[in-house]
Structure formats: C-alpha cells, structure tokens
C-alpha atoms as a PDB file:
ATOM      1  CA  UNK A   1       0.000   0.000   0.000  1.00  0.00           C
ATOM      2  CA  UNK A   2       1.449   3.368  -0.959  1.00  0.00           C
ATOM      3  CA  UNK A   3       0.936   6.462   1.101  1.00  0.00           C
ATOM      4  CA  UNK A   4       0.424   9.795  -0.547  1.00  0.00           C
ATOM      5  CA  UNK A   5       1.139  13.086   1.140  1.00  0.00           C
ATOM      6  CA  UNK A   6      -1.573  15.674   0.919  1.00  0.00           C
ATOM      7  CA  UNK A   7      -0.348  18.732  -0.981  1.00  0.00           C
ATOM      8  CA  UNK A   8      -0.663  21.996   0.926  1.00  0.00           C
ATOM      9  CA  UNK A   9      -3.200  24.429  -0.423  1.00  0.00           C
ATOM     10  CA  UNK A  10      -2.151  27.540  -2.297  1.00  0.00           C
ATOM     11  CA  UNK A  11      -3.339  29.756   0.554  1.00  0.00           C
ATOM     12  CA  UNK A  12      -1.168  27.860   2.992  1.00  0.00           C
ATOM     13  CA  UNK A  13       1.892  28.273   0.774  1.00  0.00           C
ATOM     14  CA  UNK A  14       1.283  32.011   0.394  1.00  0.00           C
ATOM     15  CA  UNK A  15       0.727  32.440   4.134  1.00  0.00           C
ATOM     16  CA  UNK A  16       4.008  30.640   4.910  1.00  0.00           C
ATOM     17  CA  UNK A  17       5.844  32.826   2.381  1.00  0.00           C
ATOM     18  CA  UNK A  18       4.435  36.034   3.874  1.00  0.00           C
ATOM     19  CA  UNK A  19       5.277  34.939   7.417  1.00  0.00           C
ATOM     20  CA  UNK A  20       8.759  33.934   6.277  1.00  0.00           C
ATOM     21  CA  UNK A  21       9.350  37.324   4.654  1.00  0.00           C
ATOM     22  CA  UNK A  22       8.100  39.117   7.768  1.00  0.00           C
ATOM     23  CA  UNK A  23      10.480  37.086   9.935  1.00  0.00           C
ATOM     24  CA  UNK A  24      13.382  37.927   7.605  1.00  0.00           C
ATOM     25  CA  UNK A  25      12.593  41.661   7.687  1.00  0.00           C
ATOM     26  CA  UNK A  26      12.159  41.674  11.478  1.00  0.00           C
ATOM     27  CA  UNK A  27      15.401  39.761  11.991  1.00  0.00           C
ATOM     28  CA  UNK A  28      17.364  42.170   9.792  1.00  0.00           C
ATOM     29  CA  UNK A  29      15.907  45.127  11.693  1.00  0.00           C
ATOM     30  CA  UNK A  30      16.692  43.349  14.966  1.00  0.00           C
ATOM     31  CA  UNK A  31      20.260  42.770  13.819  1.00  0.00           C
ATOM     32  CA  UNK A  32      20.632  46.453  12.967  1.00  0.00           C
ATOM     33  CA  UNK A  33      19.238  47.384  16.389  1.00  0.00           C
ATOM     34  CA  UNK A  34      21.437  44.983  18.336  1.00  0.00           C
ATOM     35  CA  UNK A  35      24.615  45.616  16.364  1.00  0.00           C
ATOM     36  CA  UNK A  36      24.134  49.283  15.616  1.00  0.00           C
ATOM     37  CA  UNK A  37      22.411  50.702  18.644  1.00  0.00           C
ATOM     38  CA  UNK A  38      22.999  48.442  21.633  1.00  0.00           C
ATOM     39  CA  UNK A  39      26.570  47.421  20.864  1.00  0.00           C
ATOM     40  CA  UNK A  40      28.054  50.196  18.681  1.00  0.00           C
ATOM     41  CA  UNK A  41      26.371  53.311  20.058  1.00  0.00           C
ATOM     42  CA  UNK A  42      26.061  51.809  23.538  1.00  0.00           C
ATOM     43  CA  UNK A  43      29.767  50.970  23.521  1.00  0.00           C
ATOM     44  CA  UNK A  44      30.724  54.504  22.522  1.00  0.00           C
ATOM     45  CA  UNK A  45      28.482  55.960  25.227  1.00  0.00           C
ATOM     46  CA  UNK A  46      29.962  53.558  27.769  1.00  0.00           C
ATOM     47  CA  UNK A  47      33.523  54.628  26.859  1.00  0.00           C
ATOM     48  CA  UNK A  48      32.588  58.309  27.159  1.00  0.00           C
ATOM     49  CA  UNK A  49      30.893  57.764  30.522  1.00  0.00           C
ATOM     50  CA  UNK A  50      33.889  55.786  31.828  1.00  0.00           C
ATOM     51  CA  UNK A  51      36.265  58.566  30.757  1.00  0.00           C
ATOM     52  CA  UNK A  52      34.064  61.277  32.327  1.00  0.00           C
ATOM     53  CA  UNK A  53      33.932  59.440  35.681  1.00  0.00           C
ATOM     54  CA  UNK A  54      35.917  61.075  38.492  1.00  0.00           C
ATOM     55  CA  UNK A  55      38.312  58.150  38.843  1.00  0.00           C
ATOM     56  CA  UNK A  56      38.655  56.983  35.228  1.00  0.00           C
ATOM     57  CA  UNK A  57      37.249  53.451  35.010  1.00  0.00           C
ATOM     58  CA  UNK A  58      39.567  51.237  33.005  1.00  0.00           C
ATOM     59  CA  UNK A  59      37.114  48.321  33.034  1.00  0.00           C
ATOM     60  CA  UNK A  60      34.330  50.536  31.669  1.00  0.00           C
ATOM     61  CA  UNK A  61      36.594  51.725  28.870  1.00  0.00           C
ATOM     62  CA  UNK A  62      37.649  48.156  28.036  1.00  0.00           C
ATOM     63  CA  UNK A  63      34.072  46.844  28.012  1.00  0.00           C
ATOM     64  CA  UNK A  64      32.927  49.765  25.849  1.00  0.00           C
ATOM     65  CA  UNK A  65      35.725  49.192  23.329  1.00  0.00           C
ATOM     66  CA  UNK A  66      34.930  45.468  23.280  1.00  0.00           C
ATOM     67  CA  UNK A  67      31.261  46.236  22.578  1.00  0.00           C
ATOM     68  CA  UNK A  68      32.223  48.470  19.644  1.00  0.00           C
ATOM     69  CA  UNK A  69      34.561  45.819  18.222  1.00  0.00           C
ATOM     70  CA  UNK A  70      31.983  43.019  18.554  1.00  0.00           C
ATOM     71  CA  UNK A  71      29.056  45.116  17.251  1.00  0.00           C
ATOM     72  CA  UNK A  72      29.247  43.880  13.659  1.00  0.00           C
ATOM     73  CA  UNK A  73      29.455  40.220  14.609  1.00  0.00           C
ATOM     74  CA  UNK A  74      26.554  40.502  17.066  1.00  0.00           C
ATOM     75  CA  UNK A  75      24.285  42.299  14.591  1.00  0.00           C
ATOM     76  CA  UNK A  76      25.207  39.939  11.777  1.00  0.00           C
ATOM     77  CA  UNK A  77      24.530  36.881  13.955  1.00  0.00           C
ATOM     78  CA  UNK A  78      21.099  38.098  15.028  1.00  0.00           C
ATOM     79  CA  UNK A  79      20.153  38.954  11.450  1.00  0.00           C
ATOM     80  CA  UNK A  80      21.417  35.702   9.914  1.00  0.00           C
ATOM     81  CA  UNK A  81      19.843  33.371  12.482  1.00  0.00           C
ATOM     82  CA  UNK A  82      16.443  35.017  12.049  1.00  0.00           C
ATOM     83  CA  UNK A  83      16.778  35.186   8.270  1.00  0.00           C
ATOM     84  CA  UNK A  84      17.637  31.488   8.075  1.00  0.00           C
ATOM     85  CA  UNK A  85      14.551  30.648  10.129  1.00  0.00           C
ATOM     86  CA  UNK A  86      12.388  32.871   7.926  1.00  0.00           C
ATOM     87  CA  UNK A  87      13.896  31.430   4.758  1.00  0.00           C
ATOM     88  CA  UNK A  88      13.111  27.902   5.930  1.00  0.00           C
ATOM     89  CA  UNK A  89       9.407  28.802   5.828  1.00  0.00           C
ATOM     90  CA  UNK A  90       9.650  29.895   2.191  1.00  0.00           C
ATOM     91  CA  UNK A  91       9.799  27.038  -0.268  1.00  0.00           C
END
C-alpha cells in the first residue's frame, strides 16, 4: 500500500511565504538594532561615561571598546539566524 502526502493548499503556501518574509525583515531590523544601537552606540556611550567618571574606570573603557569591536558580529549573527529561520518557511 502506498501512502500519498496531501499537498498543501495555495493559501497555505502564500501564508508561509508572507510569514517567512516578515520574519526575515524583522530579523534584519533586529540585527541592525542589536549591532548598531545596543553594541556600537552603547559601547561609545559607555567609553565616554567611563572617561568622564571622576576616577577613570579602566574596566568601563575596556568593556565599551569590546562592545564596539563586537558590534558587527553581534548584529550579523542576530540577522542571519532570524533570516535562516524565515527562509526555511519559504519554499
């Protein structure tokens, strides 16, 4: 006895494609937010605040510089993981 898989309806395929595209767009925007705002801008602000402190905080400066250096990798990772998930919904 052979088993046949039921083909998904056209509406189901379109809905999955739309949801997949939305997930891709949201993940790219999330990657820009995480990499650009939280890490890059946040790192610069953290360095400035550490320098302005009465006793200059070396750890604050180091953490801020590390955040700026890692900003691209963090944003790229967030965007790619979400985009891969969204792309898996699109066939």
